[in-house]
Amino acid sequence: MKAIIQVAKRGSAIRAARDQLISGRGTKTDFFMLSFESAKSLFSALSPVRLELLEQLRAQGPCSVYALAKEADRNYSNVHSDVAKLEELGLVSRTQDGQVQVLFESVEIHMPLAKAA
């Protein structure tokens, strides 16, 4: 499964998902969609260090936040905050025993560029 992250107007991701389901193409969802209203809000929520944590966690597999912080050579408190934000966004989940994990094989970021005037 992959995560698709996009910059789009409010509600456009919901309309696209609804249209896909109505057309029958979305019977089996193999992606997770996350939408931001601006590039600024996207990169505020998904900073480079958070994206690195996603990559590190995907490579390492399910683990504790402490083990992730140790492997990433970062302060536990900062990693804990970053993991909490990634969990809030739906990019990180917890196993039954409380370990954190990334269920996605890839993350795609789609950001349209401004049209020329």
Protein backbone atom coordinates (compact mmCIF):
# COMPACT_ATOMS: atom_id res chain seq x y z
CA MET A 1 0.00 0.00 0.00
CA LYS A 2 1.17 3.54 -0.62
CA ALA A 3 0.40 6.92 0.91
CA ILE A 4 -0.50 9.71 -1.49
CA ILE A 5 -0.03 13.18 -0.05
CA GLN A 6 -1.31 16.11 -2.06
CA VAL A 7 -1.69 19.85 -1.99
CA ALA A 8 -5.26 20.56 -3.06
CA LYS A 9 -8.26 22.71 -2.31
CA ARG A 10 -10.37 21.70 0.68
CA GLY A 11 -12.65 18.79 -0.18
CA SER A 12 -11.05 17.86 -3.51
CA ALA A 13 -9.52 14.67 -2.11
CA ILE A 14 -12.92 13.62 -0.80
CA ARG A 15 -14.53 14.31 -4.18
CA ALA A 16 -11.83 12.30 -5.97
CA ALA A 17 -12.26 9.33 -3.63
CA ARG A 18 -16.05 9.47 -3.97
CA ASP A 19 -15.80 9.59 -7.78
CA GLN A 20 -13.45 6.61 -7.74
CA LEU A 21 -15.82 4.58 -5.57
CA ILE A 22 -18.84 5.47 -7.72
CA SER A 23 -17.04 4.45 -10.90
CA GLY A 24 -16.17 1.07 -9.36
CA ARG A 25 -12.41 1.57 -9.60
CA GLY A 26 -12.07 1.92 -5.85
CA THR A 27 -13.47 -1.37 -4.66
CA LYS A 28 -10.13 -2.38 -3.15
CA THR A 29 -8.22 0.54 -1.71
CA ASP A 30 -4.48 0.16 -2.10
CA PHE A 31 -3.63 3.69 -1.06
CA PHE A 32 -4.09 6.15 1.78
CA MET A 33 -4.77 9.75 0.80
CA LEU A 34 -3.77 12.78 2.85
CA SER A 35 -4.46 16.30 1.66
CA PHE A 36 -3.09 19.71 2.66
CA GLU A 37 -4.36 23.10 1.53
CA SER A 38 -0.91 24.56 0.88
CA ALA A 39 2.69 23.55 0.45
CA LYS A 40 3.48 25.50 3.60
CA SER A 41 1.08 23.42 5.70
CA LEU A 42 2.31 20.18 4.09
CA PHE A 43 5.96 20.87 4.85
CA SER A 44 5.12 22.16 8.31
CA ALA A 45 3.46 18.84 9.16
CA LEU A 46 5.91 16.68 7.20
CA SER A 47 9.28 18.21 7.90
CA PRO A 48 12.43 16.60 6.49
CA VAL A 49 13.20 14.97 9.87
CA ARG A 50 9.71 13.46 10.02
CA LEU A 51 10.08 12.11 6.50
CA GLU A 52 13.45 10.64 7.53
CA LEU A 53 11.76 8.99 10.54
CA LEU A 54 9.20 7.40 8.20
CA GLU A 55 12.00 6.03 6.07
CA GLN A 56 13.95 4.84 9.12
CA LEU A 57 10.90 3.17 10.64
CA ARG A 58 9.99 1.46 7.36
CA ALA A 59 13.54 0.07 7.09
CA GLN A 60 13.72 -0.97 10.75
CA GLY A 61 10.23 -2.45 11.06
CA PRO A 62 7.95 -2.23 14.09
CA CYS A 63 9.78 -1.01 17.19
CA SER A 64 9.44 1.13 20.27
CA VAL A 65 9.81 4.89 20.06
CA TYR A 66 12.91 4.53 22.24
CA ALA A 67 14.50 2.06 19.79
CA LEU A 68 13.62 4.34 16.88
CA ALA A 69 15.19 7.35 18.62
CA LYS A 70 18.32 5.34 19.39
CA GLU A 71 18.60 4.07 15.80
CA ALA A 72 18.02 7.57 14.40
CA ASP A 73 20.53 9.02 16.91
CA ARG A 74 17.99 11.62 18.01
CA ASN A 75 16.59 12.85 21.31
CA TYR A 76 13.77 10.60 22.57
CA SER A 77 11.45 13.51 23.37
CA ASN A 78 11.76 14.96 19.84
CA VAL A 79 11.21 11.57 18.21
CA HIS A 80 8.21 10.95 20.48
CA SER A 81 6.68 14.28 19.36
CA ASP A 82 7.39 13.54 15.70
CA VAL A 83 5.92 10.04 15.94
CA ALA A 84 2.80 11.46 17.64
CA LYS A 85 2.32 13.89 14.75
CA LEU A 86 2.88 11.16 12.14
CA GLU A 87 0.41 8.97 14.01
CA GLU A 88 -2.13 11.82 14.06
CA LEU A 89 -1.73 12.17 10.29
CA GLY A 90 -2.26 8.43 9.81
CA LEU A 91 1.22 7.73 8.47
CA VAL A 92 2.34 5.75 11.52
CA SER A 93 0.29 3.24 13.50
CA ARG A 94 0.77 1.17 16.62
CA THR A 95 0.83 -2.59 16.91
CA GLN A 96 -1.16 -4.35 19.62
CA ASP A 97 1.90 -4.33 21.86
CA GLY A 98 2.44 -0.57 21.42
CA GLN A 99 5.26 -0.59 18.90
CA VAL A 100 5.16 1.96 16.09
CA GLN A 101 5.16 0.94 12.44
CA VAL A 102 4.74 2.24 8.91
CA LEU A 103 2.31 0.23 6.83
CA PHE A 104 3.17 1.96 3.55
CA GLU A 105 5.73 0.79 1.02
CA SER A 106 6.01 4.27 -0.45
CA VAL A 107 4.88 7.86 -0.03
CA GLU A 108 4.07 10.04 -3.02
CA ILE A 109 3.80 13.79 -2.68
CA HIS A 110 1.83 15.62 -5.36
CA MET A 111 2.08 19.38 -5.48
CA PRO A 112 0.81 21.32 -8.48
CA LEU A 113 2.90 24.26 -9.61
CA ALA A 114 1.35 27.68 -10.21
CA LYS A 115 0.14 28.40 -13.74
CA ALA A 116 1.96 31.05 -15.75
CA ALA A 117 0.03 34.29 -16.02
